[in-house]
């Protein structure tokens, strides 16, 4: 935020966090505090409905335990394919949702993302 605010006016900078149903919500709380610190508008997008059918261990409603192993270790043990901690298309969903929000909030601007 500090870097963005050296280039843009505060009214042209917003913060966004994504609730996808993760077990660890500390980053959501911290994002709000950082936005407050800089006096910025903060948006929290909710993707929990999209991911409600996943049983990925990283999700709060999962019945699975998190394997505290690297992707490389998981693949070495279980073979190629998705690791247990893969949240289905999470990053793609996040990028799409944030891009849609940015285009809605700033329809006449080119969007710079930091």
Protein backbone atom coordinates (compact mmCIF):
# COMPACT_ATOMS: atom_id res chain seq x y z
CA UNK A 1 0.00 0.00 0.00
CA UNK A 2 2.83 2.35 0.81
CA UNK A 3 4.27 1.96 -2.71
CA UNK A 4 0.88 2.39 -4.38
CA UNK A 5 0.25 5.55 -2.35
CA UNK A 6 3.49 7.09 -3.61
CA UNK A 7 2.11 6.83 -7.16
CA UNK A 8 -1.64 7.30 -6.71
CA UNK A 9 -4.06 9.39 -4.67
CA UNK A 10 -5.69 7.55 -1.74
CA UNK A 11 -9.12 7.73 -3.41
CA UNK A 12 -7.63 5.79 -6.36
CA UNK A 13 -6.29 2.93 -4.21
CA UNK A 14 -8.40 0.20 -2.63
CA UNK A 15 -7.56 -3.04 -0.90
CA UNK A 16 -9.19 -6.41 -1.49
CA UNK A 17 -9.12 -9.68 0.39
CA UNK A 18 -10.82 -12.92 -0.50
CA UNK A 19 -12.72 -15.23 1.80
CA UNK A 20 -12.73 -18.62 0.13
CA UNK A 21 -13.61 -20.52 3.29
CA UNK A 22 -10.01 -20.93 4.45
CA UNK A 23 -9.24 -22.31 7.90
CA UNK A 24 -6.84 -19.50 8.65
CA UNK A 25 -8.68 -16.18 8.53
CA UNK A 26 -5.87 -14.13 10.06
CA UNK A 27 -4.93 -12.69 6.66
CA UNK A 28 -8.49 -11.38 6.24
CA UNK A 29 -8.29 -9.62 9.60
CA UNK A 30 -4.82 -8.22 8.86
CA UNK A 31 -5.91 -6.90 5.46
CA UNK A 32 -8.69 -4.88 7.11
CA UNK A 33 -6.24 -3.43 9.64
CA UNK A 34 -3.74 -2.47 6.93
CA UNK A 35 -6.47 -0.71 4.93
CA UNK A 36 -7.57 1.13 8.08
CA UNK A 37 -3.97 2.13 8.82
CA UNK A 38 -3.65 3.77 5.40
CA UNK A 39 -7.22 5.13 5.41
CA UNK A 40 -8.20 3.10 2.36
CA UNK A 41 -11.48 1.52 1.33
CA UNK A 42 -11.34 -2.25 1.80
CA UNK A 43 -13.42 -4.86 0.00
CA UNK A 44 -13.79 -8.47 1.05
CA UNK A 45 -15.03 -10.80 -1.65
CA UNK A 46 -16.67 -14.08 -0.68
CA UNK A 47 -15.97 -17.17 -2.79
CA UNK A 48 -17.16 -19.70 -0.21
CA UNK A 49 -20.29 -20.61 -2.17
CA UNK A 50 -18.21 -21.58 -5.21
CA UNK A 51 -15.89 -23.81 -3.17
CA UNK A 52 -18.50 -25.30 -0.84
CA UNK A 53 -18.30 -28.73 -2.50
CA UNK A 54 -14.54 -29.05 -2.08
CA UNK A 55 -13.16 -31.08 0.82
CA UNK A 56 -9.67 -29.59 0.52
CA UNK A 57 -7.94 -29.65 3.91
CA UNK A 58 -7.23 -25.90 3.71
CA UNK A 59 -10.94 -25.14 3.93
CA UNK A 60 -12.65 -24.60 7.29
CA UNK A 61 -15.43 -27.11 6.64
CA UNK A 62 -13.09 -29.88 5.47
CA UNK A 63 -13.05 -33.26 7.16
CA UNK A 64 -9.43 -33.74 6.05
CA UNK A 65 -6.31 -32.82 8.01
CA UNK A 66 -3.70 -30.52 6.48
CA UNK A 67 -0.57 -32.36 5.40
CA UNK A 68 2.34 -30.16 6.42
CA UNK A 69 4.52 -31.22 3.50
CA UNK A 70 5.80 -29.42 0.43
CA UNK A 71 4.16 -30.00 -2.93
CA UNK A 72 7.35 -31.80 -4.01
CA UNK A 73 7.18 -34.17 -1.03
CA UNK A 74 3.48 -34.88 -1.60
CA UNK A 75 4.10 -35.65 -5.28
CA UNK A 76 7.09 -37.85 -4.42
CA UNK A 77 4.92 -39.87 -2.03
CA UNK A 78 1.67 -39.98 -4.01
CA UNK A 79 2.75 -39.57 -7.63
CA UNK A 80 1.92 -36.84 -10.12
CA UNK A 81 -1.39 -35.03 -9.97
CA UNK A 82 -3.08 -32.65 -7.60
CA UNK A 83 -1.76 -32.46 -4.07
CA UNK A 84 -4.21 -32.70 -1.16
CA UNK A 85 -3.83 -29.01 -0.33
CA UNK A 86 -4.88 -27.84 -3.81
CA UNK A 87 -7.96 -25.61 -3.58
CA UNK A 88 -9.78 -26.05 -6.92
CA UNK A 89 -8.93 -23.11 -9.22
CA UNK A 90 -8.57 -20.80 -6.19
CA UNK A 91 -6.05 -18.42 -7.75
CA UNK A 92 -7.97 -18.23 -11.03
CA UNK A 93 -11.18 -17.44 -9.14
CA UNK A 94 -9.42 -14.78 -7.08
CA UNK A 95 -7.86 -13.08 -10.10
CA UNK A 96 -11.15 -13.09 -12.00
CA UNK A 97 -13.12 -11.71 -9.05
CA UNK A 98 -10.59 -8.95 -8.31
CA UNK A 99 -10.37 -7.98 -11.99
CA UNK A 100 -14.17 -7.72 -12.16
CA UNK A 101 -14.21 -5.57 -9.01
CA UNK A 102 -11.47 -3.27 -10.37
CA UNK A 103 -13.31 -2.83 -13.68
CA UNK A 104 -16.51 -2.03 -11.77
CA UNK A 105 -14.89 0.47 -9.39
CA UNK A 106 -12.68 2.18 -11.96
CA UNK A 107 -14.44 1.68 -15.32
CA UNK A 108 -12.59 4.49 -17.11
CA UNK A 109 -9.10 3.72 -15.84
CA UNK A 110 -6.39 1.35 -16.86
CA UNK A 111 -5.79 -0.89 -13.86
CA UNK A 112 -2.39 -1.25 -12.22
CA UNK A 113 -2.09 -4.14 -9.78
CA UNK A 114 0.65 -4.33 -7.16
